Amino acid sequence: MPISILCPHCGRTLQARDEWAGKQVRCACGEAITVADDGGVMSLLKEELNINTNPIVCVTPDEWVKATGASDEVAEQLQRKLKPKASGNANVMMAVTGAIAALMLVIGLAVFFFVR
């Protein structure tokens, strides 16, 4: 069963044969990558749970759910937890910036009309 490798240099996912475990292969980007020995974990996952993709190399929650055979509900929970949270600080900063700009405008107009 092929071993999935994620190139740390370019992010490509490569497939290497089992006999390459512990050896180095060259990625298309030109960098040498050592093929990790899974210690038979993927063989166990394949035989016992019918999982063909190594969940560790999955990038998105949907890929992980597909690799592990988890339910769609788990994927939705992962998406919710990984979704960036909206920050209230951005709204406060916009309000402060607007207030400062308005104050500067009022001061500028006052100086223009009353200093003449």
PDB file of N, CA and C in Angstrom:
ATOM      1  N   MET A   1       0.841  -1.172   0.000  1.00  0.00           N
ATOM      2  CA  MET A   1       0.000   0.000   0.000  1.00  0.00           C
ATOM      3  C   MET A   1       0.891   1.241   0.000  1.00  0.00           C
ATOM      4  N   PRO A   2       0.630   2.205  -0.890  1.00  0.00           N
ATOM      5  CA  PRO A   2       1.511   3.377  -0.974  1.00  0.00           C
ATOM      6  C   PRO A   2       1.482   4.224   0.308  1.00  0.00           C
ATOM      7  N   ILE A   3       2.608   4.870   0.571  1.00  0.00           N
ATOM      8  CA  ILE A   3       2.738   5.758   1.716  1.00  0.00           C
ATOM      9  C   ILE A   3       2.575   7.184   1.206  1.00  0.00           C
ATOM     10  N   SER A   4       1.680   7.953   1.823  1.00  0.00           N
ATOM     11  CA  SER A   4       1.482   9.354   1.456  1.00  0.00           C
ATOM     12  C   SER A   4       2.531  10.204   2.145  1.00  0.00           C
ATOM     13  N   ILE A   5       3.122  11.118   1.367  1.00  0.00           N
ATOM     14  CA  ILE A   5       4.139  12.017   1.898  1.00  0.00           C
ATOM     15  C   ILE A   5       3.730  13.433   1.535  1.00  0.00           C
ATOM     16  N   LEU A   6       3.824  14.348   2.487  1.00  0.00           N
ATOM     17  CA  LEU A   6       3.555  15.755   2.237  1.00  0.00           C
ATOM     18  C   LEU A   6       4.900  16.468   2.179  1.00  0.00           C
ATOM     19  N   CYS A   7       5.196  17.088   1.026  1.00  0.00           N
ATOM     20  CA  CYS A   7       6.467  17.801   0.862  1.00  0.00           C
ATOM     21  C   CYS A   7       6.420  19.073   1.713  1.00  0.00           C
ATOM     22  N   PRO A   8       7.358  19.228   2.652  1.00  0.00           N
ATOM     23  CA  PRO A   8       7.348  20.424   3.498  1.00  0.00           C
ATOM     24  C   PRO A   8       7.791  21.679   2.758  1.00  0.00           C
ATOM     25  N   HIS A   9       8.354  21.503   1.568  1.00  0.00           N
ATOM     26  CA  HIS A   9       8.869  22.651   0.821  1.00  0.00           C
ATOM     27  C   HIS A   9       7.819  23.263  -0.098  1.00  0.00           C
ATOM     28  N   CYS A  10       7.064  22.427  -0.816  1.00  0.00           N
ATOM     29  CA  CYS A  10       6.091  22.960  -1.783  1.00  0.00           C
ATOM     30  C   CYS A  10       4.650  22.581  -1.454  1.00  0.00           C
ATOM     31  N   GLY A  11       4.435  21.651  -0.513  1.00  0.00           N
ATOM     32  CA  GLY A  11       3.086  21.283  -0.112  1.00  0.00           C
ATOM     33  C   GLY A  11       2.441  20.189  -0.949  1.00  0.00           C
ATOM     34  N   ARG A  12       3.163  19.646  -1.922  1.00  0.00           N
ATOM     35  CA  ARG A  12       2.591  18.571  -2.739  1.00  0.00           C
ATOM     36  C   ARG A  12       2.466  17.301  -1.912  1.00  0.00           C
ATOM     37  N   THR A  13       1.459  16.506  -2.249  1.00  0.00           N
ATOM     38  CA  THR A  13       1.312  15.190  -1.633  1.00  0.00           C
ATOM     39  C   THR A  13       1.836  14.156  -2.620  1.00  0.00           C
ATOM     40  N   LEU A  14       2.769  13.347  -2.171  1.00  0.00           N
ATOM     41  CA  LEU A  14       3.377  12.326  -3.016  1.00  0.00           C
ATOM     42  C   LEU A  14       2.988  10.948  -2.506  1.00  0.00           C
ATOM     43  N   GLN A  15       3.073   9.971  -3.362  1.00  0.00           N
ATOM     44  CA  GLN A  15       2.820   8.585  -2.994  1.00  0.00           C
ATOM     45  C   GLN A  15       4.104   7.796  -3.233  1.00  0.00           C
ATOM     46  N   ALA A  16       4.545   7.056  -2.223  1.00  0.00           N
ATOM     47  CA  ALA A  16       5.744   6.233  -2.362  1.00  0.00           C
ATOM     48  C   ALA A  16       5.388   4.792  -2.025  1.00  0.00           C
ATOM     49  N   ARG A  17       6.069   3.869  -2.677  1.00  0.00           N
ATOM     50  CA  ARG A  17       5.829   2.450  -2.389  1.00  0.00           C
ATOM     51  C   ARG A  17       6.347   2.103  -0.996  1.00  0.00           C
ATOM     52  N   ASP A  18       5.792   1.044  -0.439  1.00  0.00           N
ATOM     53  CA  ASP A  18       6.172   0.617   0.909  1.00  0.00           C
ATOM     54  C   ASP A  18       7.668   0.336   1.037  1.00  0.00           C
ATOM     55  N   GLU A  19       8.283  -0.177  -0.013  1.00  0.00           N
ATOM     56  CA  GLU A  19       9.706  -0.528   0.070  1.00  0.00           C
ATOM     57  C   GLU A  19      10.605   0.709   0.162  1.00  0.00           C
ATOM     58  N   TRP A  20      10.053   1.915  -0.072  1.00  0.00           N
ATOM     59  CA  TRP A  20      10.831   3.151   0.035  1.00  0.00           C
ATOM     60  C   TRP A  20      10.798   3.730   1.454  1.00  0.00           C
ATOM     61  N   ALA A  21      10.103   3.067   2.379  1.00  0.00           N
ATOM     62  CA  ALA A  21      10.028   3.559   3.757  1.00  0.00           C
ATOM     63  C   ALA A  21      11.418   3.677   4.352  1.00  0.00           C
ATOM     64  N   GLY A  22      11.706   4.843   4.936  1.00  0.00           N
ATOM     65  CA  GLY A  22      13.014   5.095   5.537  1.00  0.00           C
ATOM     66  C   GLY A  22      14.048   5.619   4.558  1.00  0.00           C
ATOM     67  N   LYS A  23      13.714   5.670   3.269  1.00  0.00           N
ATOM     68  CA  LYS A  23      14.656   6.161   2.254  1.00  0.00           C
ATOM     69  C   LYS A  23      14.231   7.540   1.782  1.00  0.00           C
ATOM     70  N   GLN A  24      15.101   8.172   1.000  1.00  0.00           N
ATOM     71  CA  GLN A  24      14.788   9.501   0.488  1.00  0.00           C
ATOM     72  C   GLN A  24      14.304   9.428  -0.952  1.00  0.00           C
ATOM     73  N   VAL A  25      13.335  10.281  -1.264  1.00  0.00           N
ATOM     74  CA  VAL A  25      12.845  10.437  -2.631  1.00  0.00           C
ATOM     75  C   VAL A  25      12.936  11.912  -2.972  1.00  0.00           C
ATOM     76  N   ARG A  26      12.907  12.218  -4.255  1.00  0.00           N
ATOM     77  CA  ARG A  26      12.990  13.596  -4.691  1.00  0.00           C
ATOM     78  C   ARG A  26      11.622  14.058  -5.160  1.00  0.00           C
ATOM     79  N   CYS A  27      11.174  15.175  -4.619  1.00  0.00           N
ATOM     80  CA  CYS A  27       9.892  15.771  -5.005  1.00  0.00           C
ATOM     81  C   CYS A  27      10.063  16.464  -6.354  1.00  0.00           C
ATOM     82  N   ALA A  28       8.960  16.777  -7.006  1.00  0.00           N
ATOM     83  CA  ALA A  28       9.004  17.489  -8.284  1.00  0.00           C
ATOM     84  C   ALA A  28       9.616  18.876  -8.138  1.00  0.00           C
ATOM     85  N   CYS A  29       9.574  19.441  -6.910  1.00  0.00           N
ATOM     86  CA  CYS A  29      10.172  20.762  -6.682  1.00  0.00           C
ATOM     87  C   CYS A  29      11.686  20.671  -6.551  1.00  0.00           C
ATOM     88  N   GLY A  30      12.226  19.443  -6.496  1.00  0.00           N
ATOM     89  CA  GLY A  30      13.669  19.248  -6.449  1.00  0.00           C
ATOM     90  C   GLY A  30      14.218  18.937  -5.067  1.00  0.00           C
ATOM     91  N   GLU A  31      13.415  19.040  -4.040  1.00  0.00           N
ATOM     92  CA  GLU A  31      13.882  18.792  -2.683  1.00  0.00           C
ATOM     93  C   GLU A  31      13.806  17.303  -2.334  1.00  0.00           C
ATOM     94  N   ALA A  32      14.773  16.841  -1.549  1.00  0.00           N
ATOM     95  CA  ALA A  32      14.786  15.450  -1.096  1.00  0.00           C
ATOM     96  C   ALA A  32      13.922  15.314   0.154  1.00  0.00           C
ATOM     97  N   ILE A  33      13.088  14.288   0.185  1.00  0.00           N
ATOM     98  CA  ILE A  33      12.187  14.046   1.307  1.00  0.00           C
ATOM     99  C   ILE A  33      12.395  12.614   1.776  1.00  0.00           C
ATOM    100  N   THR A  34      12.447  12.431   3.095  1.00  0.00           N
ATOM    101  CA  THR A  34      12.563  11.092   3.653  1.00  0.00           C
ATOM    102  C   THR A  34      11.171  10.497   3.794  1.00  0.00           C
ATOM    103  N   VAL A  35      11.000   9.294   3.260  1.00  0.00           N
ATOM    104  CA  VAL A  35       9.716   8.602   3.353  1.00  0.00           C
ATOM    105  C   VAL A  35       9.619   7.993   4.747  1.00  0.00           C
ATOM    106  N   ALA A  36       8.587   8.385   5.474  1.00  0.00           N
ATOM    107  CA  ALA A  36       8.411   7.898   6.840  1.00  0.00           C
ATOM    108  C   ALA A  36       7.924   6.453   6.829  1.00  0.00           C
ATOM    109  N   ASP A  37       8.380   5.724   7.805  1.00  0.00           N
ATOM    110  CA  ASP A  37       7.900   4.362   7.990  1.00  0.00           C
ATOM    111  C   ASP A  37       6.686   4.434   8.898  1.00  0.00           C
ATOM    112  N   ASP A  38       5.550   3.994   8.417  1.00  0.00           N
ATOM    113  CA  ASP A  38       4.327   4.100   9.221  1.00  0.00           C
ATOM    114  C   ASP A  38       4.229   3.021  10.283  1.00  0.00           C
ATOM    115  N   GLY A  39       5.173   2.138  10.352  1.00  0.00           N
ATOM    116  CA  GLY A  39       5.175   1.107  11.384  1.00  0.00           C
ATOM    117  C   GLY A  39       4.018   0.131  11.256  1.00  0.00           C
ATOM    118  N   GLY A  40       3.432   0.038  10.048  1.00  0.00           N
ATOM    119  CA  GLY A  40       2.331  -0.881   9.827  1.00  0.00           C
ATOM    120  C   GLY A  40       0.975  -0.302  10.206  1.00  0.00           C
ATOM    121  N   VAL A  41       0.934   0.987  10.603  1.00  0.00           N
ATOM    122  CA  VAL A  41      -0.328   1.596  11.027  1.00  0.00           C
ATOM    123  C   VAL A  41      -1.313   1.642   9.862  1.00  0.00           C
ATOM    124  N   MET A  42      -0.839   2.060   8.690  1.00  0.00           N
ATOM    125  CA  MET A  42      -1.752   2.151   7.550  1.00  0.00           C
ATOM    126  C   MET A  42      -2.240   0.772   7.124  1.00  0.00           C
ATOM    127  N   SER A  43      -1.403  -0.233   7.252  1.00  0.00           N
ATOM    128  CA  SER A  43      -1.859  -1.593   6.937  1.00  0.00           C
ATOM    129  C   SER A  43      -2.982  -2.008   7.875  1.00  0.00           C
ATOM    130  N   LEU A  44      -2.826  -1.678   9.161  1.00  0.00           N
ATOM    131  CA  LEU A  44      -3.865  -1.986  10.140  1.00  0.00           C
ATOM    132  C   LEU A  44      -5.149  -1.223   9.824  1.00  0.00           C
ATOM    133  N   LEU A  45      -5.021   0.086   9.512  1.00  0.00           N
ATOM    134  CA  LEU A  45      -6.201   0.884   9.179  1.00  0.00           C
ATOM    135  C   LEU A  45      -6.908   0.323   7.952  1.00  0.00           C
ATOM    136  N   LYS A  46      -6.139  -0.084   6.958  1.00  0.00           N
ATOM    137  CA  LYS A  46      -6.714  -0.632   5.722  1.00  0.00           C
ATOM    138  C   LYS A  46      -7.449  -1.935   6.001  1.00  0.00           C
ATOM    139  N   GLU A  47      -6.816  -2.824   6.741  1.00  0.00           N
ATOM    140  CA  GLU A  47      -7.395  -4.147   6.986  1.00  0.00           C
ATOM    141  C   GLU A  47      -8.579  -4.095   7.950  1.00  0.00           C
ATOM    142  N   GLU A  48      -8.435  -3.368   9.052  1.00  0.00           N
ATOM    143  CA  GLU A  48      -9.449  -3.378  10.097  1.00  0.00           C
ATOM    144  C   GLU A  48     -10.595  -2.398   9.859  1.00  0.00           C
ATOM    145  N   LEU A  49     -10.262  -1.196   9.354  1.00  0.00           N
ATOM    146  CA  LEU A  49     -11.272  -0.151   9.251  1.00  0.00           C
ATOM    147  C   LEU A  49     -11.578   0.282   7.816  1.00  0.00           C
ATOM    148  N   ASN A  50     -10.914  -0.337   6.849  1.00  0.00           N
ATOM    149  CA  ASN A  50     -11.097   0.001   5.433  1.00  0.00           C
ATOM    150  C   ASN A  50     -10.814   1.481   5.159  1.00  0.00           C
ATOM    151  N   ILE A  51      -9.754   1.994   5.779  1.00  0.00           N
ATOM    152  CA  ILE A  51      -9.320   3.380   5.564  1.00  0.00           C
ATOM    153  C   ILE A  51      -8.118   3.341   4.631  1.00  0.00           C
ATOM    154  N   ASN A  52      -8.240   4.022   3.482  1.00  0.00           N
ATOM    155  CA  ASN A  52      -7.185   3.979   2.473  1.00  0.00           C
ATOM    156  C   ASN A  52      -6.245   5.171   2.524  1.00  0.00           C
ATOM    157  N   THR A  53      -6.678   6.283   3.070  1.00  0.00           N
ATOM    158  CA  THR A  53      -5.863   7.494   3.104  1.00  0.00           C
ATOM    159  C   THR A  53      -5.385   7.739   4.521  1.00  0.00           C
ATOM    160  N   ASN A  54      -4.133   8.113   4.668  1.00  0.00           N
ATOM    161  CA  ASN A  54      -3.581   8.412   5.971  1.00  0.00           C
ATOM    162  C   ASN A  54      -4.218   9.709   6.477  1.00  0.00           C
ATOM    163  N   PRO A  55      -4.985   9.664   7.565  1.00  0.00           N
ATOM    164  CA  PRO A  55      -5.659  10.872   8.065  1.00  0.00           C
ATOM    165  C   PRO A  55      -4.697  11.981   8.449  1.00  0.00           C
ATOM    166  N   ILE A  56      -3.465  11.650   8.748  1.00  0.00           N
ATOM    167  CA  ILE A  56      -2.489  12.650   9.173  1.00  0.00           C
ATOM    168  C   ILE A  56      -2.138  13.612   8.043  1.00  0.00           C
ATOM    169  N   VAL A  57      -2.167  13.162   6.787  1.00  0.00           N
ATOM    170  CA  VAL A  57      -1.796  14.035   5.678  1.00  0.00           C
ATOM    171  C   VAL A  57      -2.995  14.780   5.094  1.00  0.00           C
ATOM    172  N   CYS A  58      -4.163  14.620   5.677  1.00  0.00           N
ATOM    173  CA  CYS A  58      -5.346  15.330   5.191  1.00  0.00           C
ATOM    174  C   CYS A  58      -5.231  16.809   5.530  1.00  0.00           C
ATOM    175  N   VAL A  59      -5.687  17.641   4.602  1.00  0.00           N
ATOM    176  CA  VAL A  59      -5.569  19.081   4.768  1.00  0.00           C
ATOM    177  C   VAL A  59      -6.874  19.703   5.265  1.00  0.00           C
ATOM    178  N   THR A  60      -7.994  19.239   4.766  1.00  0.00           N
ATOM    179  CA  THR A  60      -9.280  19.818   5.150  1.00  0.00           C
ATOM    180  C   THR A  60     -10.060  18.830   6.019  1.00  0.00           C
ATOM    181  N   PRO A  61     -11.012  19.341   6.793  1.00  0.00           N
ATOM    182  CA  PRO A  61     -11.843  18.438   7.592  1.00  0.00           C
ATOM    183  C   PRO A  61     -12.607  17.434   6.732  1.00  0.00           C
ATOM    184  N   ASP A  62     -13.042  17.848   5.540  1.00  0.00           N
ATOM    185  CA  ASP A  62     -13.759  16.917   4.659  1.00  0.00           C
ATOM    186  C   ASP A  62     -12.867  15.747   4.243  1.00  0.00           C
ATOM    187  N   GLU A  63     -11.590  16.030   3.939  1.00  0.00           N
ATOM    188  CA  GLU A  63     -10.651  14.955   3.588  1.00  0.00           C
ATOM    189  C   GLU A  63     -10.462  14.015   4.778  1.00  0.00           C
ATOM    190  N   TRP A  64     -10.348  14.591   5.982  1.00  0.00           N
ATOM    191  CA  TRP A  64     -10.146  13.777   7.173  1.00  0.00           C
ATOM    192  C   TRP A  64     -11.343  12.874   7.411  1.00  0.00           C
ATOM    193  N   VAL A  65     -12.558  13.444   7.283  1.00  0.00           N
ATOM    194  CA  VAL A  65     -13.775  12.654   7.484  1.00  0.00           C
ATOM    195  C   VAL A  65     -13.841  11.531   6.459  1.00  0.00           C
ATOM    196  N   LYS A  66     -13.505  11.828   5.204  1.00  0.00           N
ATOM    197  CA  LYS A  66     -13.531  10.804   4.152  1.00  0.00           C
ATOM    198  C   LYS A  66     -12.500   9.712   4.440  1.00  0.00           C
ATOM    199  N   ALA A  67     -11.301  10.131   4.915  1.00  0.00           N
ATOM    200  CA  ALA A  67     -10.238   9.158   5.187  1.00  0.00           C
ATOM    201  C   ALA A  67     -10.570   8.266   6.371  1.00  0.00           C
ATOM    202  N   THR A  68     -11.209   8.836   7.388  1.00  0.00           N
ATOM    203  CA  THR A  68     -11.480   8.057   8.592  1.00  0.00           C
ATOM    204  C   THR A  68     -12.837   7.386   8.581  1.00  0.00           C
ATOM    205  N   GLY A  69     -13.703   7.799   7.671  1.00  0.00           N
ATOM    206  CA  GLY A  69     -15.033   7.216   7.617  1.00  0.00           C
ATOM    207  C   GLY A  69     -15.968   7.791   8.669  1.00  0.00           C
ATOM    208  N   ALA A  70     -15.616   8.946   9.226  1.00  0.00           N
ATOM    209  CA  ALA A  70     -16.475   9.583  10.226  1.00  0.00           C
ATOM    210  C   ALA A  70     -17.725  10.134   9.551  1.00  0.00           C
ATOM    211  N   SER A  71     -18.691  10.523  10.363  1.00  0.00           N
ATOM    212  CA  SER A  71     -19.963  11.007   9.829  1.00  0.00           C
ATOM    213  C   SER A  71     -19.840  12.451   9.352  1.00  0.00           C
ATOM    214  N   ASP A  72     -20.835  12.879   8.559  1.00  0.00           N
ATOM    215  CA  ASP A  72     -20.868  14.257   8.082  1.00  0.00           C
ATOM    216  C   ASP A  72     -21.037  15.231   9.246  1.00  0.00           C
ATOM    217  N   GLU A  73     -21.673  14.783  10.314  1.00  0.00           N
ATOM    218  CA  GLU A  73     -21.847  15.630  11.499  1.00  0.00           C
ATOM    219  C   GLU A  73     -20.492  16.002  12.090  1.00  0.00           C
ATOM    220  N   VAL A  74     -19.560  15.057  12.087  1.00  0.00           N
ATOM    221  CA  VAL A  74     -18.216  15.321  12.591  1.00  0.00           C
ATOM    222  C   VAL A  74     -17.541  16.362  11.710  1.00  0.00           C
ATOM    223  N   ALA A  75     -17.732  16.281  10.401  1.00  0.00           N
ATOM    224  CA  ALA A  75     -17.148  17.258   9.479  1.00  0.00           C
ATOM    225  C   ALA A  75     -17.691  18.652   9.762  1.00  0.00           C
ATOM    226  N   GLU A  76     -18.997  18.746  10.012  1.00  0.00           N
ATOM    227  CA  GLU A  76     -19.601  20.044  10.317  1.00  0.00           C
ATOM    228  C   GLU A  76     -19.056  20.607  11.623  1.00  0.00           C
ATOM    229  N   GLN A  77     -18.878  19.750  12.625  1.00  0.00           N
ATOM    230  CA  GLN A  77     -18.321  20.206  13.900  1.00  0.00           C
ATOM    231  C   GLN A  77     -16.894  20.706  13.722  1.00  0.00           C
ATOM    232  N   LEU A  78     -16.102  19.975  12.937  1.00  0.00           N
ATOM    233  CA  LEU A  78     -14.727  20.402  12.671  1.00  0.00           C
ATOM    234  C   LEU A  78     -14.704  21.736  11.936  1.00  0.00           C
ATOM    235  N   GLN A  79     -15.581  21.898  10.943  1.00  0.00           N
ATOM    236  CA  GLN A  79     -15.638  23.150  10.184  1.00  0.00           C
ATOM    237  C   GLN A  79     -15.972  24.312  11.119  1.00  0.00           C
ATOM    238  N   ARG A  80     -16.939  24.112  12.020  1.00  0.00           N
ATOM    239  CA  ARG A  80     -17.321  25.177  12.952  1.00  0.00           C
ATOM    240  C   ARG A  80     -16.163  25.546  13.876  1.00  0.00           C
ATOM    241  N   LYS A  81     -15.462  24.528  14.383  1.00  0.00           N
ATOM    242  CA  LYS A  81     -14.365  24.800  15.313  1.00  0.00           C
ATOM    243  C   LYS A  81     -13.169  25.441  14.629  1.00  0.00           C
ATOM    244  N   LEU A  82     -12.935  25.124  13.355  1.00  0.00           N
ATOM    245  CA  LEU A  82     -11.785  25.671  12.636  1.00  0.00           C
ATOM    246  C   LEU A  82     -12.079  27.003  11.957  1.00  0.00           C
ATOM    247  N   LYS A  83     -13.356  27.385  11.888  1.00  0.00           N
ATOM    248  CA  LYS A  83     -13.729  28.632  11.234  1.00  0.00           C
ATOM    249  C   LYS A  83     -13.170  29.809  12.027  1.00  0.00           C
ATOM    250  N   PRO A  84     -12.535  30.777  11.337  1.00  0.00           N
ATOM    251  CA  PRO A  84     -11.990  31.921  12.063  1.00  0.00           C
ATOM    252  C   PRO A  84     -13.110  32.692  12.762  1.00  0.00           C
ATOM    253  N   LYS A  85     -12.844  33.076  13.966  1.00  0.00           N
ATOM    254  CA  LYS A  85     -13.842  33.794  14.746  1.00  0.00           C
ATOM    255  C   LYS A  85     -13.808  35.278  14.381  1.00  0.00           C
ATOM    256  N   ALA A  86     -14.995  35.882  14.284  1.00  0.00           N
ATOM    257  CA  ALA A  86     -15.083  37.308  14.004  1.00  0.00           C
ATOM    258  C   ALA A  86     -14.642  38.068  15.248  1.00  0.00           C
ATOM    259  N   SER A  87     -13.812  39.044  15.039  1.00  0.00           N
ATOM    260  CA  SER A  87     -13.290  39.817  16.151  1.00  0.00           C
ATOM    261  C   SER A  87     -14.085  41.104  16.310  1.00  0.00           C
ATOM    262  N   GLY A  88     -14.542  41.383  17.527  1.00  0.00           N
ATOM    263  CA  GLY A  88     -15.229  42.625  17.816  1.00  0.00           C
ATOM    264  C   GLY A  88     -14.263  43.800  17.840  1.00  0.00           C
ATOM    265  N   ASN A  89     -12.957  43.506  17.970  1.00  0.00           N
ATOM    266  CA  ASN A  89     -11.965  44.567  18.006  1.00  0.00           C
ATOM    267  C   ASN A  89     -11.908  45.334  16.696  1.00  0.00           C
ATOM    268  N   ALA A  90     -12.151  44.677  15.587  1.00  0.00           N
ATOM    269  CA  ALA A  90     -12.101  45.354  14.296  1.00  0.00           C
ATOM    270  C   ALA A  90     -13.182  46.425  14.222  1.00  0.00           C
ATOM    271  N   ASN A  91     -14.380  46.127  14.719  1.00  0.00           N
ATOM    272  CA  ASN A  91     -15.463  47.107  14.709  1.00  0.00           C
ATOM    273  C   ASN A  91     -15.149  48.281  15.624  1.00  0.00           C
ATOM    274  N   VAL A  92     -14.581  48.030  16.778  1.00  0.00           N
ATOM    275  CA  VAL A  92     -14.215  49.092  17.716  1.00  0.00           C
ATOM    276  C   VAL A  92     -13.155  49.987  17.102  1.00  0.00           C
ATOM    277  N   MET A  93     -12.159  49.377  16.464  1.00  0.00           N
ATOM    278  CA  MET A  93     -11.086  50.162  15.842  1.00  0.00           C
ATOM    279  C   MET A  93     -11.621  51.034  14.716  1.00  0.00           C
ATOM    280  N   MET A  94     -12.567  50.501  13.934  1.00  0.00           N
ATOM    281  CA  MET A  94     -13.170  51.306  12.863  1.00  0.00           C
ATOM    282  C   MET A  94     -13.927  52.486  13.454  1.00  0.00           C
ATOM    283  N   ALA A  95     -14.660  52.279  14.546  1.00  0.00           N
ATOM    284  CA  ALA A  95     -15.421  53.355  15.184  1.00  0.00           C
ATOM    285  C   ALA A  95     -14.485  54.418  15.747  1.00  0.00           C
ATOM    286  N   VAL A  96     -13.411  54.004  16.395  1.00  0.00           N
ATOM    287  CA  VAL A  96     -12.447  54.955  16.950  1.00  0.00           C
ATOM    288  C   VAL A  96     -11.785  55.754  15.838  1.00  0.00           C
ATOM    289  N   THR A  97     -11.389  55.081  14.771  1.00  0.00           N
ATOM    290  CA  THR A  97     -10.768  55.766  13.639  1.00  0.00           C
ATOM    291  C   THR A  97     -11.732  56.775  13.031  1.00  0.00           C
ATOM    292  N   GLY A  98     -12.986  56.407  12.872  1.00  0.00           N
ATOM    293  CA  GLY A  98     -13.986  57.328  12.334  1.00  0.00           C
ATOM    294  C   GLY A  98     -14.202  58.518  13.247  1.00  0.00           C
ATOM    295  N   ALA A  99     -14.247  58.280  14.559  1.00  0.00           N
ATOM    296  CA  ALA A  99     -14.434  59.378  15.516  1.00  0.00           C
ATOM    297  C   ALA A  99     -13.256  60.343  15.479  1.00  0.00           C
ATOM    298  N   ILE A 100     -12.051  59.819  15.393  1.00  0.00           N
ATOM    299  CA  ILE A 100     -10.861  60.676  15.321  1.00  0.00           C
ATOM    300  C   ILE A 100     -10.874  61.489  14.028  1.00  0.00           C
ATOM    301  N   ALA A 101     -11.236  60.876  12.914  1.00  0.00           N
ATOM    302  CA  ALA A 101     -11.299  61.596  11.647  1.00  0.00           C
ATOM    303  C   ALA A 101     -12.344  62.704  11.695  1.00  0.00           C
ATOM    304  N   ALA A 102     -13.506  62.429  12.285  1.00  0.00           N
ATOM    305  CA  ALA A 102     -14.556  63.446  12.404  1.00  0.00           C
ATOM    306  C   ALA A 102     -14.090  64.586  13.295  1.00  0.00           C
ATOM    307  N   LEU A 103     -13.419  64.281  14.405  1.00  0.00           N
ATOM    308  CA  LEU A 103     -12.906  65.310  15.300  1.00  0.00           C
ATOM    309  C   LEU A 103     -11.872  66.179  14.595  1.00  0.00           C
ATOM    310  N   MET A 104     -10.993  65.557  13.833  1.00  0.00           N
ATOM    311  CA  MET A 104      -9.979  66.311  13.079  1.00  0.00           C
ATOM    312  C   MET A 104     -10.643  67.226  12.056  1.00  0.00           C
ATOM    313  N   LEU A 105     -11.698  66.757  11.424  1.00  0.00           N
ATOM    314  CA  LEU A 105     -12.419  67.571  10.442  1.00  0.00           C
ATOM    315  C   LEU A 105     -13.055  68.778  11.122  1.00  0.00           C
ATOM    316  N   VAL A 106     -13.698  68.578  12.271  1.00  0.00           N
ATOM    317  CA  VAL A 106     -14.324  69.679  13.002  1.00  0.00           C
ATOM    318  C   VAL A 106     -13.276  70.699  13.440  1.00  0.00           C
ATOM    319  N   ILE A 107     -12.153  70.233  13.968  1.00  0.00           N
ATOM    320  CA  ILE A 107     -11.077  71.137  14.387  1.00  0.00           C
ATOM    321  C   ILE A 107     -10.533  71.902  13.186  1.00  0.00           C
ATOM    322  N   GLY A 108     -10.335  71.216  12.077  1.00  0.00           N
ATOM    323  CA  GLY A 108      -9.847  71.882  10.864  1.00  0.00           C
ATOM    324  C   GLY A 108     -10.803  72.951  10.371  1.00  0.00           C
ATOM    325  N   LEU A 109     -12.098  72.661  10.368  1.00  0.00           N
ATOM    326  CA  LEU A 109     -13.095  73.659   9.937  1.00  0.00           C
ATOM    327  C   LEU A 109     -13.138  74.833  10.903  1.00  0.00           C
ATOM    328  N   ALA A 110     -13.037  74.557  12.206  1.00  0.00           N
ATOM    329  CA  ALA A 110     -13.043  75.629  13.203  1.00  0.00           C
ATOM    330  C   ALA A 110     -11.843  76.542  13.010  1.00  0.00           C
ATOM    331  N   VAL A 111     -10.686  75.960  12.805  1.00  0.00           N
ATOM    332  CA  VAL A 111      -9.471  76.759  12.575  1.00  0.00           C
ATOM    333  C   VAL A 111      -9.633  77.574  11.298  1.00  0.00           C
ATOM    334  N   PHE A 112     -10.172  76.976  10.253  1.00  0.00           N
ATOM    335  CA  PHE A 112     -10.332  77.677   8.972  1.00  0.00           C
ATOM    336  C   PHE A 112     -11.264  78.874   9.100  1.00  0.00           C
ATOM    337  N   PHE A 113     -12.391  78.713   9.792  1.00  0.00           N
ATOM    338  CA  PHE A 113     -13.378  79.782   9.855  1.00  0.00           C
ATOM    339  C   PHE A 113     -13.074  80.825  10.932  1.00  0.00           C
ATOM    340  N   PHE A 114     -12.484  80.429  12.045  1.00  0.00           N
ATOM    341  CA  PHE A 114     -12.302  81.362  13.153  1.00  0.00           C
ATOM    342  C   PHE A 114     -10.928  82.001  13.224  1.00  0.00           C
ATOM    343  N   VAL A 115      -9.955  81.529  12.525  1.00  0.00           N
ATOM    344  CA  VAL A 115      -8.594  82.071  12.605  1.00  0.00           C
ATOM    345  C   VAL A 115      -8.449  83.225  11.603  1.00  0.00           C
ATOM    346  N   ARG A 116      -9.217  83.343  10.629  1.00  0.00           N
ATOM    347  CA  ARG A 116      -9.084  84.394   9.610  1.00  0.00           C
ATOM    348  C   ARG A 116      -9.045  85.730  10.202  1.00  0.00           C
TER     349      ARG A 116
END
